Amino acid sequence: MKSTISAACAAALMASVAMSSTALADQYGLATYYHNPWHPGLIAAHLTLPFGTRVRVTNLDNGRSVVVVIVDRGPYAYGRIIDLSDVAADVLGMRRAGVVHVRVELI
């Protein structure tokens, strides 16, 4: 019984280490934007990053970047890694395109 519990604890620890190490790496993918009337400003939605996390998002198409705070969950569309507020989208110059290639860095 003890070895089963120890194995389960070891597996859980290794999974948490793997998740934290991937969370520290820059992410590359597609970004979209949305309007959130309850949180105006430079905010974003991410599936796994903790609320309150600050990230730098760089539009790889034009080089512009913005720092946003994670306050929501999403995006839920395949291939998208972050949903930005419409304010952040304006800073990145992506409103017209709607979807752009970005790099997301923890800061």
PDB file of N, CA and C in Angstrom:
ATOM      1  N   MET A   1       0.816  -1.192   0.000  1.00  0.00           N
ATOM      2  CA  MET A   1       0.000   0.000   0.000  1.00  0.00           C
ATOM      3  C   MET A   1       0.867   1.266   0.000  1.00  0.00           C
ATOM      4  N   LYS A   2       1.934   1.228   0.827  1.00  0.00           N
ATOM      5  CA  LYS A   2       2.820   2.384   0.909  1.00  0.00           C
ATOM      6  C   LYS A   2       3.496   2.675  -0.425  1.00  0.00           C
ATOM      7  N   SER A   3       3.919   1.648  -1.132  1.00  0.00           N
ATOM      8  CA  SER A   3       4.602   1.857  -2.408  1.00  0.00           C
ATOM      9  C   SER A   3       3.648   2.414  -3.454  1.00  0.00           C
ATOM     10  N   THR A   4       2.363   2.025  -3.376  1.00  0.00           N
ATOM     11  CA  THR A   4       1.376   2.558  -4.316  1.00  0.00           C
ATOM     12  C   THR A   4       1.177   4.046  -4.081  1.00  0.00           C
ATOM     13  N   ILE A   5       1.085   4.459  -2.836  1.00  0.00           N
ATOM     14  CA  ILE A   5       0.924   5.880  -2.505  1.00  0.00           C
ATOM     15  C   ILE A   5       2.176   6.650  -2.902  1.00  0.00           C
ATOM     16  N   SER A   6       3.355   6.097  -2.624  1.00  0.00           N
ATOM     17  CA  SER A   6       4.603   6.764  -2.988  1.00  0.00           C
ATOM     18  C   SER A   6       4.719   6.921  -4.499  1.00  0.00           C
ATOM     19  N   ALA A   7       4.330   5.899  -5.246  1.00  0.00           N
ATOM     20  CA  ALA A   7       4.378   5.976  -6.708  1.00  0.00           C
ATOM     21  C   ALA A   7       3.414   7.037  -7.216  1.00  0.00           C
ATOM     22  N   ALA A   8       2.238   7.110  -6.619  1.00  0.00           N
ATOM     23  CA  ALA A   8       1.253   8.110  -7.027  1.00  0.00           C
ATOM     24  C   ALA A   8       1.762   9.519  -6.715  1.00  0.00           C
ATOM     25  N   CYS A   9       2.372   9.691  -5.560  1.00  0.00           N
ATOM     26  CA  CYS A   9       2.927  11.006  -5.190  1.00  0.00           C
ATOM     27  C   CYS A   9       4.064  11.400  -6.130  1.00  0.00           C
ATOM     28  N   ALA A  10       4.925  10.437  -6.463  1.00  0.00           N
ATOM     29  CA  ALA A  10       6.038  10.717  -7.372  1.00  0.00           C
ATOM     30  C   ALA A  10       5.522  11.101  -8.746  1.00  0.00           C
ATOM     31  N   ALA A  11       4.483  10.412  -9.219  1.00  0.00           N
ATOM     32  CA  ALA A  11       3.910  10.737 -10.531  1.00  0.00           C
ATOM     33  C   ALA A  11       3.296  12.124 -10.525  1.00  0.00           C
ATOM     34  N   ALA A  12       2.608  12.458  -9.446  1.00  0.00           N
ATOM     35  CA  ALA A  12       1.994  13.794  -9.343  1.00  0.00           C
ATOM     36  C   ALA A  12       3.067  14.876  -9.303  1.00  0.00           C
ATOM     37  N   LEU A  13       4.148  14.639  -8.578  1.00  0.00           N
ATOM     38  CA  LEU A  13       5.240  15.608  -8.493  1.00  0.00           C
ATOM     39  C   LEU A  13       5.890  15.807  -9.853  1.00  0.00           C
ATOM     40  N   MET A  14       6.145  14.722 -10.576  1.00  0.00           N
ATOM     41  CA  MET A  14       6.768  14.835 -11.893  1.00  0.00           C
ATOM     42  C   MET A  14       5.846  15.564 -12.866  1.00  0.00           C
ATOM     43  N   ALA A  15       4.539  15.330 -12.765  1.00  0.00           N
ATOM     44  CA  ALA A  15       3.599  16.021 -13.645  1.00  0.00           C
ATOM     45  C   ALA A  15       3.586  17.511 -13.349  1.00  0.00           C
ATOM     46  N   SER A  16       3.650  17.898 -12.071  1.00  0.00           N
ATOM     47  CA  SER A  16       3.643  19.321 -11.734  1.00  0.00           C
ATOM     48  C   SER A  16       4.932  19.999 -12.184  1.00  0.00           C
ATOM     49  N   VAL A  17       6.060  19.297 -12.083  1.00  0.00           N
ATOM     50  CA  VAL A  17       7.333  19.857 -12.558  1.00  0.00           C
ATOM     51  C   VAL A  17       7.282  20.031 -14.071  1.00  0.00           C
ATOM     52  N   ALA A  18       6.751  19.058 -14.783  1.00  0.00           N
ATOM     53  CA  ALA A  18       6.655  19.151 -16.237  1.00  0.00           C
ATOM     54  C   ALA A  18       5.757  20.309 -16.635  1.00  0.00           C
ATOM     55  N   MET A  19       4.630  20.488 -15.927  1.00  0.00           N
ATOM     56  CA  MET A  19       3.726  21.590 -16.268  1.00  0.00           C
ATOM     57  C   MET A  19       4.375  22.931 -15.975  1.00  0.00           C
ATOM     58  N   SER A  20       5.091  23.045 -14.848  1.00  0.00           N
ATOM     59  CA  SER A  20       5.693  24.332 -14.520  1.00  0.00           C
ATOM     60  C   SER A  20       6.831  24.676 -15.477  1.00  0.00           C
ATOM     61  N   SER A  21       7.581  23.683 -15.947  1.00  0.00           N
ATOM     62  CA  SER A  21       8.678  23.990 -16.857  1.00  0.00           C
ATOM     63  C   SER A  21       8.152  24.411 -18.224  1.00  0.00           C
ATOM     64  N   THR A  22       7.032  23.840 -18.667  1.00  0.00           N
ATOM     65  CA  THR A  22       6.477  24.273 -19.953  1.00  0.00           C
ATOM     66  C   THR A  22       5.812  25.635 -19.816  1.00  0.00           C
ATOM     67  N   ALA A  23       5.309  25.944 -18.631  1.00  0.00           N
ATOM     68  CA  ALA A  23       4.681  27.244 -18.435  1.00  0.00           C
ATOM     69  C   ALA A  23       5.719  28.364 -18.474  1.00  0.00           C
ATOM     70  N   LEU A  24       6.985  28.037 -18.155  1.00  0.00           N
ATOM     71  CA  LEU A  24       8.027  29.055 -18.142  1.00  0.00           C
ATOM     72  C   LEU A  24       8.587  29.347 -19.531  1.00  0.00           C
ATOM     73  N   ALA A  25       8.360  28.452 -20.471  1.00  0.00           N
ATOM     74  CA  ALA A  25       8.874  28.636 -21.821  1.00  0.00           C
ATOM     75  C   ALA A  25       7.987  29.601 -22.595  1.00  0.00           C
ATOM     76  N   ASP A  26       8.593  30.334 -23.522  1.00  0.00           N
ATOM     77  CA  ASP A  26       7.799  31.191 -24.405  1.00  0.00           C
ATOM     78  C   ASP A  26       6.846  30.317 -25.212  1.00  0.00           C
ATOM     79  N   GLN A  27       5.672  30.864 -25.486  1.00  0.00           N
ATOM     80  CA  GLN A  27       4.695  30.162 -26.308  1.00  0.00           C
ATOM     81  C   GLN A  27       4.526  30.913 -27.616  1.00  0.00           C
ATOM     82  N   TYR A  28       4.400  30.179 -28.696  1.00  0.00           N
ATOM     83  CA  TYR A  28       4.183  30.752 -30.012  1.00  0.00           C
ATOM     84  C   TYR A  28       2.891  30.186 -30.569  1.00  0.00           C
ATOM     85  N   GLY A  29       2.064  31.056 -31.144  1.00  0.00           N
ATOM     86  CA  GLY A  29       0.810  30.589 -31.716  1.00  0.00           C
ATOM     87  C   GLY A  29      -0.029  31.742 -32.204  1.00  0.00           C
ATOM     88  N   LEU A  30      -1.331  31.505 -32.257  1.00  0.00           N
ATOM     89  CA  LEU A  30      -2.258  32.511 -32.761  1.00  0.00           C
ATOM     90  C   LEU A  30      -2.969  33.220 -31.617  1.00  0.00           C
ATOM     91  N   ALA A  31      -3.189  34.504 -31.804  1.00  0.00           N
ATOM     92  CA  ALA A  31      -3.930  35.305 -30.838  1.00  0.00           C
ATOM     93  C   ALA A  31      -5.147  35.913 -31.516  1.00  0.00           C
ATOM     94  N   THR A  32      -6.204  36.052 -30.735  1.00  0.00           N
ATOM     95  CA  THR A  32      -7.407  36.757 -31.166  1.00  0.00           C
ATOM     96  C   THR A  32      -7.700  37.819 -30.116  1.00  0.00           C
ATOM     97  N   TYR A  33      -8.762  38.569 -30.325  1.00  0.00           N
ATOM     98  CA  TYR A  33      -9.134  39.556 -29.311  1.00  0.00           C
ATOM     99  C   TYR A  33     -10.623  39.469 -29.018  1.00  0.00           C
ATOM    100  N   TYR A  34     -10.986  40.030 -27.861  1.00  0.00           N
ATOM    101  CA  TYR A  34     -12.379  40.030 -27.425  1.00  0.00           C
ATOM    102  C   TYR A  34     -12.629  41.273 -26.577  1.00  0.00           C
ATOM    103  N   HIS A  35     -13.888  41.547 -26.322  1.00  0.00           N
ATOM    104  CA  HIS A  35     -14.258  42.684 -25.478  1.00  0.00           C
ATOM    105  C   HIS A  35     -14.769  42.146 -24.155  1.00  0.00           C
ATOM    106  N   ASN A  36     -14.188  42.598 -23.046  1.00  0.00           N
ATOM    107  CA  ASN A  36     -14.616  42.192 -21.713  1.00  0.00           C
ATOM    108  C   ASN A  36     -15.061  43.443 -20.959  1.00  0.00           C
ATOM    109  N   PRO A  37     -16.372  43.661 -20.835  1.00  0.00           N
ATOM    110  CA  PRO A  37     -16.860  44.887 -20.198  1.00  0.00           C
ATOM    111  C   PRO A  37     -16.571  44.969 -18.696  1.00  0.00           C
ATOM    112  N   TRP A  38     -16.240  43.844 -18.054  1.00  0.00           N
ATOM    113  CA  TRP A  38     -15.993  43.852 -16.616  1.00  0.00           C
ATOM    114  C   TRP A  38     -14.542  44.144 -16.269  1.00  0.00           C
ATOM    115  N   HIS A  39     -13.647  43.979 -17.220  1.00  0.00           N
ATOM    116  CA  HIS A  39     -12.218  44.230 -16.999  1.00  0.00           C
ATOM    117  C   HIS A  39     -11.656  45.034 -18.169  1.00  0.00           C
ATOM    118  N   PRO A  40     -11.912  46.325 -18.212  1.00  0.00           N
ATOM    119  CA  PRO A  40     -11.344  47.111 -19.316  1.00  0.00           C
ATOM    120  C   PRO A  40      -9.833  47.256 -19.125  1.00  0.00           C
ATOM    121  N   GLY A  41      -9.128  47.420 -20.210  1.00  0.00           N
ATOM    122  CA  GLY A  41      -7.694  47.665 -20.112  1.00  0.00           C
ATOM    123  C   GLY A  41      -6.869  46.603 -20.791  1.00  0.00           C
ATOM    124  N   LEU A  42      -5.624  46.525 -20.388  1.00  0.00           N
ATOM    125  CA  LEU A  42      -4.652  45.605 -21.002  1.00  0.00           C
ATOM    126  C   LEU A  42      -4.729  44.252 -20.301  1.00  0.00           C
ATOM    127  N   ILE A  43      -5.669  43.430 -20.737  1.00  0.00           N
ATOM    128  CA  ILE A  43      -5.930  42.133 -20.128  1.00  0.00           C
ATOM    129  C   ILE A  43      -5.951  41.048 -21.199  1.00  0.00           C
ATOM    130  N   ALA A  44      -5.978  39.792 -20.734  1.00  0.00           N
ATOM    131  CA  ALA A  44      -6.024  38.671 -21.673  1.00  0.00           C
ATOM    132  C   ALA A  44      -6.619  37.448 -20.999  1.00  0.00           C
ATOM    133  N   ALA A  45      -6.968  36.477 -21.845  1.00  0.00           N
ATOM    134  CA  ALA A  45      -7.438  35.174 -21.388  1.00  0.00           C
ATOM    135  C   ALA A  45      -6.440  34.120 -21.845  1.00  0.00           C
ATOM    136  N   HIS A  46      -6.128  33.177 -20.945  1.00  0.00           N
ATOM    137  CA  HIS A  46      -5.214  32.079 -21.255  1.00  0.00           C
ATOM    138  C   HIS A  46      -5.766  30.827 -20.591  1.00  0.00           C
ATOM    139  N   LEU A  47      -5.550  29.679 -21.212  1.00  0.00           N
ATOM    140  CA  LEU A  47      -6.117  28.440 -20.685  1.00  0.00           C
ATOM    141  C   LEU A  47      -5.474  27.963 -19.393  1.00  0.00           C
ATOM    142  N   THR A  48      -4.172  28.157 -19.207  1.00  0.00           N
ATOM    143  CA  THR A  48      -3.491  27.537 -18.072  1.00  0.00           C
ATOM    144  C   THR A  48      -2.764  28.496 -17.135  1.00  0.00           C
ATOM    145  N   LEU A  49      -2.386  29.655 -17.588  1.00  0.00           N
ATOM    146  CA  LEU A  49      -1.637  30.565 -16.716  1.00  0.00           C
ATOM    147  C   LEU A  49      -2.520  31.058 -15.573  1.00  0.00           C
ATOM    148  N   PRO A  50      -1.962  31.193 -14.373  1.00  0.00           N
ATOM    149  CA  PRO A  50      -2.751  31.659 -13.222  1.00  0.00           C
ATOM    150  C   PRO A  50      -3.247  33.099 -13.425  1.00  0.00           C
ATOM    151  N   PHE A  51      -4.424  33.378 -12.870  1.00  0.00           N
ATOM    152  CA  PHE A  51      -4.935  34.744 -12.901  1.00  0.00           C
ATOM    153  C   PHE A  51      -3.934  35.671 -12.224  1.00  0.00           C
ATOM    154  N   GLY A  52      -3.780  36.858 -12.788  1.00  0.00           N
ATOM    155  CA  GLY A  52      -2.833  37.827 -12.247  1.00  0.00           C
ATOM    156  C   GLY A  52      -1.445  37.747 -12.878  1.00  0.00           C
ATOM    157  N   THR A  53      -1.196  36.719 -13.676  1.00  0.00           N
ATOM    158  CA  THR A  53       0.103  36.586 -14.339  1.00  0.00           C
ATOM    159  C   THR A  53       0.261  37.678 -15.387  1.00  0.00           C
ATOM    160  N   ARG A  54       1.427  38.301 -15.407  1.00  0.00           N
ATOM    161  CA  ARG A  54       1.734  39.313 -16.424  1.00  0.00           C
ATOM    162  C   ARG A  54       2.559  38.664 -17.524  1.00  0.00           C
ATOM    163  N   VAL A  55       2.162  38.905 -18.760  1.00  0.00           N
ATOM    164  CA  VAL A  55       2.889  38.368 -19.904  1.00  0.00           C
ATOM    165  C   VAL A  55       3.095  39.464 -20.938  1.00  0.00           C
ATOM    166  N   ARG A  56       4.200  39.334 -21.669  1.00  0.00           N
ATOM    167  CA  ARG A  56       4.449  40.221 -22.803  1.00  0.00           C
ATOM    168  C   ARG A  56       4.029  39.466 -24.056  1.00  0.00           C
ATOM    169  N   VAL A  57       3.146  40.072 -24.842  1.00  0.00           N
ATOM    170  CA  VAL A  57       2.678  39.481 -26.085  1.00  0.00           C
ATOM    171  C   VAL A  57       3.259  40.304 -27.221  1.00  0.00           C
ATOM    172  N   THR A  58       3.954  39.639 -28.140  1.00  0.00           N
ATOM    173  CA  THR A  58       4.570  40.306 -29.282  1.00  0.00           C
ATOM    174  C   THR A  58       3.896  39.834 -30.556  1.00  0.00           C
ATOM    175  N   ASN A  59       3.433  40.790 -31.357  1.00  0.00           N
ATOM    176  CA  ASN A  59       2.863  40.493 -32.665  1.00  0.00           C
ATOM    177  C   ASN A  59       4.036  40.206 -33.597  1.00  0.00           C
ATOM    178  N   LEU A  60       4.151  38.978 -34.049  1.00  0.00           N
ATOM    179  CA  LEU A  60       5.291  38.589 -34.880  1.00  0.00           C
ATOM    180  C   LEU A  60       5.180  39.121 -36.307  1.00  0.00           C
ATOM    181  N   ASP A  61       4.008  39.620 -36.674  1.00  0.00           N
ATOM    182  CA  ASP A  61       3.824  40.173 -38.019  1.00  0.00           C
ATOM    183  C   ASP A  61       4.355  41.599 -38.143  1.00  0.00           C
ATOM    184  N   ASN A  62       4.315  42.375 -37.012  1.00  0.00           N
ATOM    185  CA  ASN A  62       4.776  43.764 -37.097  1.00  0.00           C
ATOM    186  C   ASN A  62       5.771  44.160 -35.996  1.00  0.00           C
ATOM    187  N   GLY A  63       6.068  43.264 -35.065  1.00  0.00           N
ATOM    188  CA  GLY A  63       7.050  43.534 -34.021  1.00  0.00           C
ATOM    189  C   GLY A  63       6.534  44.297 -32.813  1.00  0.00           C
ATOM    190  N   ARG A  64       5.295  44.745 -32.818  1.00  0.00           N
ATOM    191  CA  ARG A  64       4.755  45.473 -31.665  1.00  0.00           C
ATOM    192  C   ARG A  64       4.517  44.521 -30.498  1.00  0.00           C
ATOM    193  N   SER A  65       4.673  45.053 -29.265  1.00  0.00           N
ATOM    194  CA  SER A  65       4.424  44.221 -28.089  1.00  0.00           C
ATOM    195  C   SER A  65       3.653  44.999 -27.035  1.00  0.00           C
ATOM    196  N   VAL A  66       3.024  44.250 -26.119  1.00  0.00           N
ATOM    197  CA  VAL A  66       2.220  44.835 -25.050  1.00  0.00           C
ATOM    198  C   VAL A  66       2.286  43.888 -23.852  1.00  0.00           C
ATOM    199  N   VAL A  67       2.237  44.456 -22.652  1.00  0.00           N
ATOM    200  CA  VAL A  67       2.179  43.658 -21.429  1.00  0.00           C
ATOM    201  C   VAL A  67       0.728  43.619 -20.979  1.00  0.00           C
ATOM    202  N   VAL A  68       0.225  42.394 -20.747  1.00  0.00           N
ATOM    203  CA  VAL A  68      -1.164  42.212 -20.322  1.00  0.00           C
ATOM    204  C   VAL A  68      -1.200  41.359 -19.065  1.00  0.00           C
ATOM    205  N   VAL A  69      -2.340  41.405 -18.364  1.00  0.00           N
ATOM    206  CA  VAL A  69      -2.574  40.603 -17.164  1.00  0.00           C
ATOM    207  C   VAL A  69      -3.627  39.554 -17.493  1.00  0.00           C
ATOM    208  N   ILE A  70      -3.384  38.311 -17.079  1.00  0.00           N
ATOM    209  CA  ILE A  70      -4.346  37.237 -17.313  1.00  0.00           C
ATOM    210  C   ILE A  70      -5.480  37.356 -16.292  1.00  0.00           C
ATOM    211  N   VAL A  71      -6.714  37.547 -16.792  1.00  0.00           N
ATOM    212  CA  VAL A  71      -7.878  37.703 -15.913  1.00  0.00           C
ATOM    213  C   VAL A  71      -9.030  36.774 -16.294  1.00  0.00           C
ATOM    214  N   ASP A  72      -8.830  35.944 -17.315  1.00  0.00           N
ATOM    215  CA  ASP A  72      -9.931  35.146 -17.834  1.00  0.00           C
ATOM    216  C   ASP A  72      -9.373  33.840 -18.400  1.00  0.00           C
ATOM    217  N   ARG A  73     -10.258  32.898 -18.689  1.00  0.00           N
ATOM    218  CA  ARG A  73      -9.875  31.627 -19.316  1.00  0.00           C
ATOM    219  C   ARG A  73     -10.258  31.628 -20.785  1.00  0.00           C
ATOM    220  N   GLY A  74      -9.483  30.958 -21.585  1.00  0.00           N
ATOM    221  CA  GLY A  74      -9.700  30.868 -23.018  1.00  0.00           C
ATOM    222  C   GLY A  74      -8.352  30.999 -23.686  1.00  0.00           C
ATOM    223  N   PRO A  75      -8.254  30.991 -24.941  1.00  0.00           N
ATOM    224  CA  PRO A  75      -9.320  30.776 -25.928  1.00  0.00           C
ATOM    225  C   PRO A  75      -9.621  29.283 -26.057  1.00  0.00           C
ATOM    226  N   TYR A  76     -10.796  28.986 -26.561  1.00  0.00           N
ATOM    227  CA  TYR A  76     -11.219  27.597 -26.703  1.00  0.00           C
ATOM    228  C   TYR A  76     -11.217  27.148 -28.159  1.00  0.00           C
ATOM    229  N   ALA A  77     -10.799  28.002 -29.066  1.00  0.00           N
ATOM    230  CA  ALA A  77     -10.693  27.638 -30.483  1.00  0.00           C
ATOM    231  C   ALA A  77      -9.353  26.944 -30.729  1.00  0.00           C
ATOM    232  N   TYR A  78      -9.360  25.923 -31.554  1.00  0.00           N
ATOM    233  CA  TYR A  78      -8.163  25.145 -31.844  1.00  0.00           C
ATOM    234  C   TYR A  78      -7.059  26.027 -32.429  1.00  0.00           C
ATOM    235  N   GLY A  79      -5.837  25.866 -31.919  1.00  0.00           N
ATOM    236  CA  GLY A  79      -4.685  26.575 -32.456  1.00  0.00           C
ATOM    237  C   GLY A  79      -4.442  27.949 -31.875  1.00  0.00           C
ATOM    238  N   ARG A  80      -5.338  28.433 -31.055  1.00  0.00           N
ATOM    239  CA  ARG A  80      -5.174  29.766 -30.457  1.00  0.00           C
ATOM    240  C   ARG A  80      -4.599  29.625 -29.059  1.00  0.00           C
ATOM    241  N   ILE A  81      -3.663  30.508 -28.706  1.00  0.00           N
ATOM    242  CA  ILE A  81      -3.014  30.381 -27.398  1.00  0.00           C
ATOM    243  C   ILE A  81      -3.401  31.482 -26.427  1.00  0.00           C
ATOM    244  N   ILE A  82      -3.930  32.611 -26.931  1.00  0.00           N
ATOM    245  CA  ILE A  82      -4.292  33.716 -26.041  1.00  0.00           C
ATOM    246  C   ILE A  82      -5.376  34.562 -26.697  1.00  0.00           C
ATOM    247  N   ASP A  83      -6.297  35.050 -25.873  1.00  0.00           N
ATOM    248  CA  ASP A  83      -7.300  36.030 -26.299  1.00  0.00           C
ATOM    249  C   ASP A  83      -6.942  37.349 -25.628  1.00  0.00           C
ATOM    250  N   LEU A  84      -6.789  38.384 -26.402  1.00  0.00           N
ATOM    251  CA  LEU A  84      -6.411  39.701 -25.878  1.00  0.00           C
ATOM    252  C   LEU A  84      -7.615  40.619 -25.826  1.00  0.00           C
ATOM    253  N   SER A  85      -7.572  41.580 -24.912  1.00  0.00           N
ATOM    254  CA  SER A  85      -8.626  42.588 -24.879  1.00  0.00           C
ATOM    255  C   SER A  85      -8.549  43.439 -26.137  1.00  0.00           C
ATOM    256  N   ASP A  86      -9.652  44.101 -26.461  1.00  0.00           N
ATOM    257  CA  ASP A  86      -9.640  44.969 -27.634  1.00  0.00           C
ATOM    258  C   ASP A  86      -8.644  46.113 -27.475  1.00  0.00           C
ATOM    259  N   VAL A  87      -8.405  46.552 -26.250  1.00  0.00           N
ATOM    260  CA  VAL A  87      -7.412  47.606 -25.998  1.00  0.00           C
ATOM    261  C   VAL A  87      -6.009  47.097 -26.338  1.00  0.00           C
ATOM    262  N   ALA A  88      -5.680  45.888 -25.885  1.00  0.00           N
ATOM    263  CA  ALA A  88      -4.378  45.294 -26.193  1.00  0.00           C
ATOM    264  C   ALA A  88      -4.240  45.035 -27.693  1.00  0.00           C
ATOM    265  N   ALA A  89      -5.340  44.631 -28.328  1.00  0.00           N
ATOM    266  CA  ALA A  89      -5.318  44.389 -29.780  1.00  0.00           C
ATOM    267  C   ALA A  89      -4.992  45.676 -30.534  1.00  0.00           C
ATOM    268  N   ASP A  90      -5.513  46.805 -30.045  1.00  0.00           N
ATOM    269  CA  ASP A  90      -5.196  48.092 -30.677  1.00  0.00           C
ATOM    270  C   ASP A  90      -3.705  48.406 -30.565  1.00  0.00           C
ATOM    271  N   VAL A  91      -3.127  48.144 -29.384  1.00  0.00           N
ATOM    272  CA  VAL A  91      -1.696  48.402 -29.192  1.00  0.00           C
ATOM    273  C   VAL A  91      -0.865  47.533 -30.145  1.00  0.00           C
ATOM    274  N   LEU A  92      -1.282  46.284 -30.336  1.00  0.00           N
ATOM    275  CA  LEU A  92      -0.549  45.369 -31.210  1.00  0.00           C
ATOM    276  C   LEU A  92      -0.841  45.590 -32.688  1.00  0.00           C
ATOM    277  N   GLY A  93      -1.831  46.431 -32.995  1.00  0.00           N
ATOM    278  CA  GLY A  93      -2.173  46.682 -34.390  1.00  0.00           C
ATOM    279  C   GLY A  93      -2.786  45.475 -35.078  1.00  0.00           C
ATOM    280  N   MET A  94      -3.641  44.735 -34.354  1.00  0.00           N
ATOM    281  CA  MET A  94      -4.186  43.494 -34.911  1.00  0.00           C
ATOM    282  C   MET A  94      -5.699  43.511 -35.104  1.00  0.00           C
ATOM    283  N   ARG A  95      -6.341  44.632 -34.828  1.00  0.00           N
ATOM    284  CA  ARG A  95      -7.809  44.657 -34.907  1.00  0.00           C
ATOM    285  C   ARG A  95      -8.302  44.339 -36.310  1.00  0.00           C
ATOM    286  N   ARG A  96      -7.641  44.867 -37.317  1.00  0.00           N
ATOM    287  CA  ARG A  96      -8.098  44.640 -38.688  1.00  0.00           C
ATOM    288  C   ARG A  96      -7.904  43.178 -39.111  1.00  0.00           C
ATOM    289  N   ALA A  97      -6.764  42.597 -38.738  1.00  0.00           N
ATOM    290  CA  ALA A  97      -6.475  41.211 -39.098  1.00  0.00           C
ATOM    291  C   ALA A  97      -7.349  40.229 -38.312  1.00  0.00           C
ATOM    292  N   GLY A  98      -7.593  40.539 -37.046  1.00  0.00           N
ATOM    293  CA  GLY A  98      -8.412  39.666 -36.210  1.00  0.00           C
ATOM    294  C   GLY A  98      -7.650  38.533 -35.555  1.00  0.00           C
ATOM    295  N   VAL A  99      -6.797  37.871 -36.288  1.00  0.00           N
ATOM    296  CA  VAL A  99      -5.976  36.769 -35.783  1.00  0.00           C
ATOM    297  C   VAL A  99      -4.547  37.006 -36.263  1.00  0.00           C
ATOM    298  N   VAL A 100      -3.580  36.954 -35.325  1.00  0.00           N
ATOM    299  CA  VAL A 100      -2.177  37.179 -35.690  1.00  0.00           C
ATOM    300  C   VAL A 100      -1.282  36.158 -34.988  1.00  0.00           C
ATOM    301  N   HIS A 101      -0.080  35.990 -35.514  1.00  0.00           N
ATOM    302  CA  HIS A 101       0.932  35.141 -34.904  1.00  0.00           C
ATOM    303  C   HIS A 101       1.619  35.933 -33.791  1.00  0.00           C
ATOM    304  N   VAL A 102       1.739  35.317 -32.610  1.00  0.00           N
ATOM    305  CA  VAL A 102       2.327  36.016 -31.461  1.00  0.00           C
ATOM    306  C   VAL A 102       3.310  35.128 -30.711  1.00  0.00           C
ATOM    307  N   ARG A 103       4.143  35.800 -29.912  1.00  0.00           N
ATOM    308  CA  ARG A 103       4.963  35.139 -28.906  1.00  0.00           C
ATOM    309  C   ARG A 103       4.448  35.624 -27.545  1.00  0.00           C
ATOM    310  N   VAL A 104       4.267  34.717 -26.605  1.00  0.00           N
ATOM    311  CA  VAL A 104       3.824  35.046 -25.243  1.00  0.00           C
ATOM    312  C   VAL A 104       4.958  34.722 -24.301  1.00  0.00           C
ATOM    313  N   GLU A 105       5.435  35.747 -23.575  1.00  0.00           N
ATOM    314  CA  GLU A 105       6.554  35.579 -22.634  1.00  0.00           C
ATOM    315  C   GLU A 105       6.099  35.928 -21.227  1.00  0.00           C
ATOM    316  N   LEU A 106       6.432  35.101 -20.243  1.00  0.00           N
ATOM    317  CA  LEU A 106       6.196  35.448 -18.843  1.00  0.00           C
ATOM    318  C   LEU A 106       7.143  36.555 -18.435  1.00  0.00           C
ATOM    319  N   ILE A 107       6.663  37.510 -17.668  1.00  0.00           N
ATOM    320  CA  ILE A 107       7.567  38.550 -17.149  1.00  0.00           C
ATOM    321  C   ILE A 107       7.426  38.665 -15.637  1.00  0.00           C
TER     322      ILE A 107
END
